């Protein structure tokens, strides 16, 4: 199964840390790096870009692509989304 979600107002580093706290291991071990986060039955790829909000404001939009077992992803995506929404406002 594959699920793609985008979040505004968080960083890639924070997304990796959240996924690590939810049972994943950061490839390369560096939350500042660009490695995927891998759990027992899932993998998450993270990317980001600046997006314009109105004429003068930009935010970072982080996109996480979750892949893995459907049951594992249902729980993971829900828990990650709750953390990311609280952090990003």
PDB file of N, CA and C in Angstrom:
ATOM      1  N   UNK A   1       0.845  -1.169   0.000  1.00  0.00           N
ATOM      2  CA  UNK A   1       0.000   0.000   0.000  1.00  0.00           C
ATOM      3  C   UNK A   1       0.897   1.240   0.000  1.00  0.00           C
ATOM      4  N   UNK A   2       0.405   2.317  -0.613  1.00  0.00           N
ATOM      5  CA  UNK A   2       1.151   3.575  -0.697  1.00  0.00           C
ATOM      6  C   UNK A   2       0.220   4.723  -0.330  1.00  0.00           C
ATOM      7  N   UNK A   3       0.696   5.597   0.590  1.00  0.00           N
ATOM      8  CA  UNK A   3      -0.070   6.763   1.014  1.00  0.00           C
ATOM      9  C   UNK A   3       0.862   7.968   0.957  1.00  0.00           C
ATOM     10  N   UNK A   4       0.403   9.048   0.318  1.00  0.00           N
ATOM     11  CA  UNK A   4       1.191  10.281   0.252  1.00  0.00           C
ATOM     12  C   UNK A   4       0.432  11.396   0.962  1.00  0.00           C
ATOM     13  N   UNK A   5       1.122  12.074   1.894  1.00  0.00           N
ATOM     14  CA  UNK A   5       0.492  13.168   2.638  1.00  0.00           C
ATOM     15  C   UNK A   5       1.462  14.337   2.702  1.00  0.00           C
ATOM     16  N   UNK A   6       0.909  15.548   2.682  1.00  0.00           N
ATOM     17  CA  UNK A   6       1.723  16.757   2.784  1.00  0.00           C
ATOM     18  C   UNK A   6       1.349  17.526   4.042  1.00  0.00           C
ATOM     19  N   UNK A   7       2.373  18.142   4.645  1.00  0.00           N
ATOM     20  CA  UNK A   7       2.204  18.894   5.888  1.00  0.00           C
ATOM     21  C   UNK A   7       2.956  20.202   5.762  1.00  0.00           C
ATOM     22  N   UNK A   8       2.365  21.265   6.229  1.00  0.00           N
ATOM     23  CA  UNK A   8       3.011  22.574   6.191  1.00  0.00           C
ATOM     24  C   UNK A   8       3.444  22.984   7.592  1.00  0.00           C
ATOM     25  N   UNK A   9       4.573  23.671   7.636  1.00  0.00           N
ATOM     26  CA  UNK A   9       5.032  24.224   8.897  1.00  0.00           C
ATOM     27  C   UNK A   9       5.915  23.308   9.715  1.00  0.00           C
ATOM     28  N   UNK A  10       6.308  22.151   9.189  1.00  0.00           N
ATOM     29  CA  UNK A  10       7.283  21.298   9.877  1.00  0.00           C
ATOM     30  C   UNK A  10       8.474  21.119   8.941  1.00  0.00           C
ATOM     31  N   UNK A  11       9.574  20.651   9.481  1.00  0.00           N
ATOM     32  CA  UNK A  11      10.786  20.435   8.692  1.00  0.00           C
ATOM     33  C   UNK A  11      10.964  18.942   8.405  1.00  0.00           C
ATOM     34  N   UNK A  12      11.827  18.644   7.448  1.00  0.00           N
ATOM     35  CA  UNK A  12      12.162  17.238   7.177  1.00  0.00           C
ATOM     36  C   UNK A  12      12.785  16.606   8.410  1.00  0.00           C
ATOM     37  N   UNK A  13      13.635  17.354   9.100  1.00  0.00           N
ATOM     38  CA  UNK A  13      14.294  16.844  10.303  1.00  0.00           C
ATOM     39  C   UNK A  13      13.264  16.425  11.348  1.00  0.00           C
ATOM     40  N   UNK A  14      12.266  17.286  11.559  1.00  0.00           N
ATOM     41  CA  UNK A  14      11.228  16.982  12.537  1.00  0.00           C
ATOM     42  C   UNK A  14      10.397  15.781  12.093  1.00  0.00           C
ATOM     43  N   UNK A  15      10.088  15.697  10.808  1.00  0.00           N
ATOM     44  CA  UNK A  15       9.338  14.543  10.293  1.00  0.00           C
ATOM     45  C   UNK A  15      10.109  13.248  10.536  1.00  0.00           C
ATOM     46  N   UNK A  16      11.422  13.273  10.278  1.00  0.00           N
ATOM     47  CA  UNK A  16      12.235  12.073  10.530  1.00  0.00           C
ATOM     48  C   UNK A  16      12.248  11.709  12.012  1.00  0.00           C
ATOM     49  N   UNK A  17      12.339  12.727  12.861  1.00  0.00           N
ATOM     50  CA  UNK A  17      12.343  12.469  14.303  1.00  0.00           C
ATOM     51  C   UNK A  17      11.018  11.846  14.744  1.00  0.00           C
ATOM     52  N   UNK A  18       9.890  12.381  14.259  1.00  0.00           N
ATOM     53  CA  UNK A  18       8.582  11.814  14.599  1.00  0.00           C
ATOM     54  C   UNK A  18       8.492  10.356  14.158  1.00  0.00           C
ATOM     55  N   UNK A  19       8.926  10.079  12.930  1.00  0.00           N
ATOM     56  CA  UNK A  19       8.866   8.703  12.423  1.00  0.00           C
ATOM     57  C   UNK A  19       9.790   7.783  13.212  1.00  0.00           C
ATOM     58  N   UNK A  20      10.931   8.299  13.619  1.00  0.00           N
ATOM     59  CA  UNK A  20      11.840   7.524  14.459  1.00  0.00           C
ATOM     60  C   UNK A  20      11.185   7.211  15.807  1.00  0.00           C
ATOM     61  N   UNK A  21      10.496   8.188  16.381  1.00  0.00           N
ATOM     62  CA  UNK A  21       9.791   7.972  17.653  1.00  0.00           C
ATOM     63  C   UNK A  21       8.635   6.991  17.510  1.00  0.00           C
ATOM     64  N   UNK A  22       8.144   6.817  16.275  1.00  0.00           N
ATOM     65  CA  UNK A  22       7.051   5.872  16.024  1.00  0.00           C
ATOM     66  C   UNK A  22       7.569   4.488  15.617  1.00  0.00           C
ATOM     67  N   UNK A  23       8.863   4.253  15.827  1.00  0.00           N
ATOM     68  CA  UNK A  23       9.416   2.918  15.621  1.00  0.00           C
ATOM     69  C   UNK A  23      10.287   2.744  14.394  1.00  0.00           C
ATOM     70  N   UNK A  24      10.604   3.822  13.692  1.00  0.00           N
ATOM     71  CA  UNK A  24      11.424   3.708  12.497  1.00  0.00           C
ATOM     72  C   UNK A  24      12.890   3.972  12.764  1.00  0.00           C
ATOM     73  N   UNK A  25      13.722   3.517  11.848  1.00  0.00           N
ATOM     74  CA  UNK A  25      15.160   3.788  11.881  1.00  0.00           C
ATOM     75  C   UNK A  25      15.498   4.671  10.690  1.00  0.00           C
ATOM     76  N   UNK A  26      16.236   5.743  10.947  1.00  0.00           N
ATOM     77  CA  UNK A  26      16.623   6.663   9.887  1.00  0.00           C
ATOM     78  C   UNK A  26      17.806   6.069   9.139  1.00  0.00           C
ATOM     79  N   UNK A  27      17.662   5.877   7.831  1.00  0.00           N
ATOM     80  CA  UNK A  27      18.767   5.358   7.031  1.00  0.00           C
ATOM     81  C   UNK A  27      19.934   6.336   7.120  1.00  0.00           C
ATOM     82  N   UNK A  28      21.094   5.832   7.432  1.00  0.00           N
ATOM     83  CA  UNK A  28      22.254   6.687   7.608  1.00  0.00           C
ATOM     84  C   UNK A  28      22.343   7.253   9.017  1.00  0.00           C
ATOM     85  N   UNK A  29      21.262   7.138   9.796  1.00  0.00           N
ATOM     86  CA  UNK A  29      21.278   7.559  11.192  1.00  0.00           C
ATOM     87  C   UNK A  29      21.246   9.052  11.445  1.00  0.00           C
ATOM     88  N   UNK A  30      21.144   9.874  10.404  1.00  0.00           N
ATOM     89  CA  UNK A  30      21.214  11.321  10.566  1.00  0.00           C
ATOM     90  C   UNK A  30      19.876  11.980  10.267  1.00  0.00           C
ATOM     91  N   UNK A  31      19.179  12.528  11.292  1.00  0.00           N
ATOM     92  CA  UNK A  31      17.900  13.181  11.033  1.00  0.00           C
ATOM     93  C   UNK A  31      18.031  14.390  10.103  1.00  0.00           C
ATOM     94  N   UNK A  32      19.231  14.964  10.016  1.00  0.00           N
ATOM     95  CA  UNK A  32      19.467  16.103   9.132  1.00  0.00           C
ATOM     96  C   UNK A  32      19.725  15.656   7.697  1.00  0.00           C
ATOM     97  N   UNK A  33      19.968  14.354   7.494  1.00  0.00           N
ATOM     98  CA  UNK A  33      20.277  13.830   6.168  1.00  0.00           C
ATOM     99  C   UNK A  33      19.038  13.671   5.316  1.00  0.00           C
ATOM    100  N   UNK A  34      19.186  12.929   4.228  1.00  0.00           N
ATOM    101  CA  UNK A  34      18.060  12.778   3.305  1.00  0.00           C
ATOM    102  C   UNK A  34      17.608  11.331   3.169  1.00  0.00           C
ATOM    103  N   UNK A  35      17.957  10.493   4.145  1.00  0.00           N
ATOM    104  CA  UNK A  35      17.578   9.089   4.076  1.00  0.00           C
ATOM    105  C   UNK A  35      16.120   8.852   4.421  1.00  0.00           C
ATOM    106  N   UNK A  36      15.618   7.718   3.944  1.00  0.00           N
ATOM    107  CA  UNK A  36      14.274   7.284   4.299  1.00  0.00           C
ATOM    108  C   UNK A  36      14.252   6.830   5.751  1.00  0.00           C
ATOM    109  N   UNK A  37      13.051   6.673   6.267  1.00  0.00           N
ATOM    110  CA  UNK A  37      12.866   6.104   7.599  1.00  0.00           C
ATOM    111  C   UNK A  37      12.167   4.762   7.397  1.00  0.00           C
ATOM    112  N   UNK A  38      12.733   3.712   8.018  1.00  0.00           N
ATOM    113  CA  UNK A  38      12.248   2.354   7.789  1.00  0.00           C
ATOM    114  C   UNK A  38      11.795   1.736   9.102  1.00  0.00           C
ATOM    115  N   UNK A  39      10.564   1.233   9.100  1.00  0.00           N
ATOM    116  CA  UNK A  39      10.020   0.517  10.241  1.00  0.00           C
ATOM    117  C   UNK A  39       9.904  -0.955   9.919  1.00  0.00           C
ATOM    118  N   UNK A  40       9.322  -1.715  10.831  1.00  0.00           N
ATOM    119  CA  UNK A  40       9.225  -3.165  10.662  1.00  0.00           C
ATOM    120  C   UNK A  40       8.417  -3.555   9.428  1.00  0.00           C
ATOM    121  N   UNK A  41       7.309  -2.882   9.181  1.00  0.00           N
ATOM    122  CA  UNK A  41       6.459  -3.236   8.043  1.00  0.00           C
ATOM    123  C   UNK A  41       6.163  -2.038   7.159  1.00  0.00           C
ATOM    124  N   UNK A  42       7.050  -1.002   7.213  1.00  0.00           N
ATOM    125  CA  UNK A  42       6.799   0.203   6.443  1.00  0.00           C
ATOM    126  C   UNK A  42       8.093   0.943   6.116  1.00  0.00           C
ATOM    127  N   UNK A  43       7.981   1.858   5.172  1.00  0.00           N
ATOM    128  CA  UNK A  43       9.065   2.754   4.769  1.00  0.00           C
ATOM    129  C   UNK A  43       8.444   4.108   4.473  1.00  0.00           C
ATOM    130  N   UNK A  44       9.139   5.184   4.848  1.00  0.00           N
ATOM    131  CA  UNK A  44       8.659   6.538   4.578  1.00  0.00           C
ATOM    132  C   UNK A  44       9.755   7.349   3.903  1.00  0.00           C
ATOM    133  N   UNK A  45       9.422   7.939   2.755  1.00  0.00           N
ATOM    134  CA  UNK A  45      10.329   8.833   2.035  1.00  0.00           C
ATOM    135  C   UNK A  45       9.848  10.259   2.272  1.00  0.00           C
ATOM    136  N   UNK A  46      10.793  11.165   2.520  1.00  0.00           N
ATOM    137  CA  UNK A  46      10.450  12.531   2.887  1.00  0.00           C
ATOM    138  C   UNK A  46      11.103  13.511   1.921  1.00  0.00           C
ATOM    139  N   UNK A  47      10.316  14.496   1.488  1.00  0.00           N
ATOM    140  CA  UNK A  47      10.848  15.573   0.654  1.00  0.00           C
ATOM    141  C   UNK A  47      10.174  16.867   1.081  1.00  0.00           C
ATOM    142  N   UNK A  48      10.736  17.995   0.656  1.00  0.00           N
ATOM    143  CA  UNK A  48      10.122  19.275   1.021  1.00  0.00           C
ATOM    144  C   UNK A  48      10.351  20.302  -0.072  1.00  0.00           C
ATOM    145  N   UNK A  49       9.490  21.322  -0.028  1.00  0.00           N
ATOM    146  CA  UNK A  49       9.620  22.455  -0.936  1.00  0.00           C
ATOM    147  C   UNK A  49       8.977  23.668  -0.288  1.00  0.00           C
ATOM    148  N   UNK A  50       9.391  24.850  -0.715  1.00  0.00           N
ATOM    149  CA  UNK A  50       8.778  26.087  -0.241  1.00  0.00           C
ATOM    150  C   UNK A  50       7.534  26.352  -1.082  1.00  0.00           C
ATOM    151  N   UNK A  51       6.435  26.704  -0.414  1.00  0.00           N
ATOM    152  CA  UNK A  51       5.196  27.034  -1.118  1.00  0.00           C
ATOM    153  C   UNK A  51       4.755  28.430  -0.677  1.00  0.00           C
ATOM    154  N   UNK A  52       4.192  29.167  -1.614  1.00  0.00           N
ATOM    155  CA  UNK A  52       3.715  30.511  -1.331  1.00  0.00           C
ATOM    156  C   UNK A  52       2.315  30.467  -0.742  1.00  0.00           C
ATOM    157  N   UNK A  53       2.140  31.248   0.303  1.00  0.00           N
ATOM    158  CA  UNK A  53       0.837  31.428   0.927  1.00  0.00           C
ATOM    159  C   UNK A  53       0.547  32.922   0.826  1.00  0.00           C
ATOM    160  N   UNK A  54      -0.222  33.285  -0.145  1.00  0.00           N
ATOM    161  CA  UNK A  54      -0.468  34.705  -0.366  1.00  0.00           C
ATOM    162  C   UNK A  54       0.724  35.355  -1.061  1.00  0.00           C
ATOM    163  N   UNK A  55       0.709  36.664  -1.164  1.00  0.00           N
ATOM    164  CA  UNK A  55       1.726  37.351  -1.950  1.00  0.00           C
ATOM    165  C   UNK A  55       3.101  37.453  -1.286  1.00  0.00           C
ATOM    166  N   UNK A  56       3.182  37.318   0.037  1.00  0.00           N
ATOM    167  CA  UNK A  56       4.475  37.576   0.680  1.00  0.00           C
ATOM    168  C   UNK A  56       4.909  36.533   1.709  1.00  0.00           C
ATOM    169  N   UNK A  57       4.167  35.472   1.872  1.00  0.00           N
ATOM    170  CA  UNK A  57       4.503  34.473   2.896  1.00  0.00           C
ATOM    171  C   UNK A  57       4.810  33.142   2.231  1.00  0.00           C
ATOM    172  N   UNK A  58       5.916  32.520   2.677  1.00  0.00           N
ATOM    173  CA  UNK A  58       6.270  31.186   2.216  1.00  0.00           C
ATOM    174  C   UNK A  58       6.369  30.249   3.412  1.00  0.00           C
ATOM    175  N   UNK A  59       5.923  29.023   3.221  1.00  0.00           N
ATOM    176  CA  UNK A  59       6.048  27.977   4.229  1.00  0.00           C
ATOM    177  C   UNK A  59       6.740  26.774   3.615  1.00  0.00           C
ATOM    178  N   UNK A  60       7.334  25.972   4.465  1.00  0.00           N
ATOM    179  CA  UNK A  60       7.880  24.708   4.012  1.00  0.00           C
ATOM    180  C   UNK A  60       6.762  23.674   4.008  1.00  0.00           C
ATOM    181  N   UNK A  61       6.597  22.985   2.890  1.00  0.00           N
ATOM    182  CA  UNK A  61       5.628  21.894   2.804  1.00  0.00           C
ATOM    183  C   UNK A  61       6.417  20.599   2.697  1.00  0.00           C
ATOM    184  N   UNK A  62       6.228  19.737   3.671  1.00  0.00           N
ATOM    185  CA  UNK A  62       6.909  18.450   3.713  1.00  0.00           C
ATOM    186  C   UNK A  62       5.948  17.382   3.201  1.00  0.00           C
ATOM    187  N   UNK A  63       6.415  16.581   2.259  1.00  0.00           N
ATOM    188  CA  UNK A  63       5.621  15.484   1.727  1.00  0.00           C
ATOM    189  C   UNK A  63       6.239  14.175   2.193  1.00  0.00           C
ATOM    190  N   UNK A  64       5.398  13.327   2.753  1.00  0.00           N
ATOM    191  CA  UNK A  64       5.838  12.014   3.215  1.00  0.00           C
ATOM    192  C   UNK A  64       5.099  10.966   2.404  1.00  0.00           C
ATOM    193  N   UNK A  65       5.873  10.068   1.797  1.00  0.00           N
ATOM    194  CA  UNK A  65       5.297   8.941   1.064  1.00  0.00           C
ATOM    195  C   UNK A  65       5.514   7.708   1.926  1.00  0.00           C
ATOM    196  N   UNK A  66       4.417   7.167   2.421  1.00  0.00           N
ATOM    197  CA  UNK A  66       4.435   5.971   3.256  1.00  0.00           C
ATOM    198  C   UNK A  66       4.177   4.767   2.362  1.00  0.00           C
ATOM    199  N   UNK A  67       4.963   3.702   2.525  1.00  0.00           N
ATOM    200  CA  UNK A  67       4.745   2.462   1.795  1.00  0.00           C
ATOM    201  C   UNK A  67       4.868   1.297   2.759  1.00  0.00           C
ATOM    202  N   UNK A  68       4.001   0.306   2.603  1.00  0.00           N
ATOM    203  CA  UNK A  68       4.106  -0.863   3.452  1.00  0.00           C
ATOM    204  C   UNK A  68       2.785  -1.575   3.641  1.00  0.00           C
ATOM    205  N   UNK A  69       2.751  -2.378   4.687  1.00  0.00           N
ATOM    206  CA  UNK A  69       1.587  -3.166   5.050  1.00  0.00           C
ATOM    207  C   UNK A  69       0.414  -2.240   5.393  1.00  0.00           C
ATOM    208  N   UNK A  70      -0.766  -2.552   4.864  1.00  0.00           N
ATOM    209  CA  UNK A  70      -1.939  -1.691   5.042  1.00  0.00           C
ATOM    210  C   UNK A  70      -2.274  -1.462   6.513  1.00  0.00           C
ATOM    211  N   UNK A  71      -2.282  -2.503   7.311  1.00  0.00           N
ATOM    212  CA  UNK A  71      -2.616  -2.355   8.731  1.00  0.00           C
ATOM    213  C   UNK A  71      -1.598  -1.477   9.452  1.00  0.00           C
ATOM    214  N   UNK A  72      -0.315  -1.693   9.155  1.00  0.00           N
ATOM    215  CA  UNK A  72       0.737  -0.893   9.787  1.00  0.00           C
ATOM    216  C   UNK A  72       0.613   0.566   9.375  1.00  0.00           C
ATOM    217  N   UNK A  73       0.328   0.818   8.100  1.00  0.00           N
ATOM    218  CA  UNK A  73       0.232   2.197   7.622  1.00  0.00           C
ATOM    219  C   UNK A  73      -0.973   2.932   8.202  1.00  0.00           C
ATOM    220  N   UNK A  74      -2.089   2.243   8.366  1.00  0.00           N
ATOM    221  CA  UNK A  74      -3.271   2.892   8.936  1.00  0.00           C
ATOM    222  C   UNK A  74      -2.929   3.543  10.276  1.00  0.00           C
ATOM    223  N   UNK A  75      -2.279   2.788  11.137  1.00  0.00           N
ATOM    224  CA  UNK A  75      -1.909   3.287  12.459  1.00  0.00           C
ATOM    225  C   UNK A  75      -0.805   4.335  12.367  1.00  0.00           C
ATOM    226  N   UNK A  76       0.223   4.057  11.585  1.00  0.00           N
ATOM    227  CA  UNK A  76       1.368   4.959  11.463  1.00  0.00           C
ATOM    228  C   UNK A  76       0.959   6.324  10.921  1.00  0.00           C
ATOM    229  N   UNK A  77       0.223   6.343   9.831  1.00  0.00           N
ATOM    230  CA  UNK A  77      -0.166   7.607   9.201  1.00  0.00           C
ATOM    231  C   UNK A  77      -1.029   8.434  10.153  1.00  0.00           C
ATOM    232  N   UNK A  78      -1.930   7.795  10.862  1.00  0.00           N
ATOM    233  CA  UNK A  78      -2.779   8.510  11.818  1.00  0.00           C
ATOM    234  C   UNK A  78      -1.944   9.136  12.937  1.00  0.00           C
ATOM    235  N   UNK A  79      -1.040   8.355  13.523  1.00  0.00           N
ATOM    236  CA  UNK A  79      -0.216   8.866  14.623  1.00  0.00           C
ATOM    237  C   UNK A  79       0.726   9.962  14.138  1.00  0.00           C
ATOM    238  N   UNK A  80       1.337   9.762  12.974  1.00  0.00           N
ATOM    239  CA  UNK A  80       2.237  10.777  12.434  1.00  0.00           C
ATOM    240  C   UNK A  80       1.469  12.067  12.137  1.00  0.00           C
ATOM    241  N   UNK A  81       0.307  11.942  11.536  1.00  0.00           N
ATOM    242  CA  UNK A  81      -0.493  13.120  11.195  1.00  0.00           C
ATOM    243  C   UNK A  81      -0.860  13.923  12.430  1.00  0.00           C
ATOM    244  N   UNK A  82      -1.199  13.253  13.518  1.00  0.00           N
ATOM    245  CA  UNK A  82      -1.534  13.957  14.754  1.00  0.00           C
ATOM    246  C   UNK A  82      -0.340  14.752  15.268  1.00  0.00           C
ATOM    247  N   UNK A  83       0.841  14.144  15.248  1.00  0.00           N
ATOM    248  CA  UNK A  83       2.044  14.844  15.693  1.00  0.00           C
ATOM    249  C   UNK A  83       2.364  16.025  14.784  1.00  0.00           C
ATOM    250  N   UNK A  84       2.272  15.809  13.477  1.00  0.00           N
ATOM    251  CA  UNK A  84       2.645  16.853  12.518  1.00  0.00           C
ATOM    252  C   UNK A  84       1.663  18.022  12.560  1.00  0.00           C
ATOM    253  N   UNK A  85       0.398  17.751  12.760  1.00  0.00           N
ATOM    254  CA  UNK A  85      -0.589  18.831  12.806  1.00  0.00           C
ATOM    255  C   UNK A  85      -0.417  19.685  14.054  1.00  0.00           C
ATOM    256  N   UNK A  86      -0.073  19.069  15.163  1.00  0.00           N
ATOM    257  CA  UNK A  86       0.172  19.836  16.398  1.00  0.00           C
ATOM    258  C   UNK A  86       1.402  20.707  16.247  1.00  0.00           C
ATOM    259  N   UNK A  87       2.424  20.187  15.601  1.00  0.00           N
ATOM    260  CA  UNK A  87       3.674  20.938  15.454  1.00  0.00           C
ATOM    261  C   UNK A  87       3.518  22.066  14.445  1.00  0.00           C
ATOM    262  N   UNK A  88       2.862  21.773  13.340  1.00  0.00           N
ATOM    263  CA  UNK A  88       2.811  22.741  12.259  1.00  0.00           C
ATOM    264  C   UNK A  88       1.708  23.774  12.398  1.00  0.00           C
ATOM    265  N   UNK A  89       0.823  23.567  13.331  1.00  0.00           N
ATOM    266  CA  UNK A  89      -0.245  24.544  13.511  1.00  0.00           C
ATOM    267  C   UNK A  89      -1.313  24.246  12.550  1.00  0.00           C
TER     268      UNK A  89
END
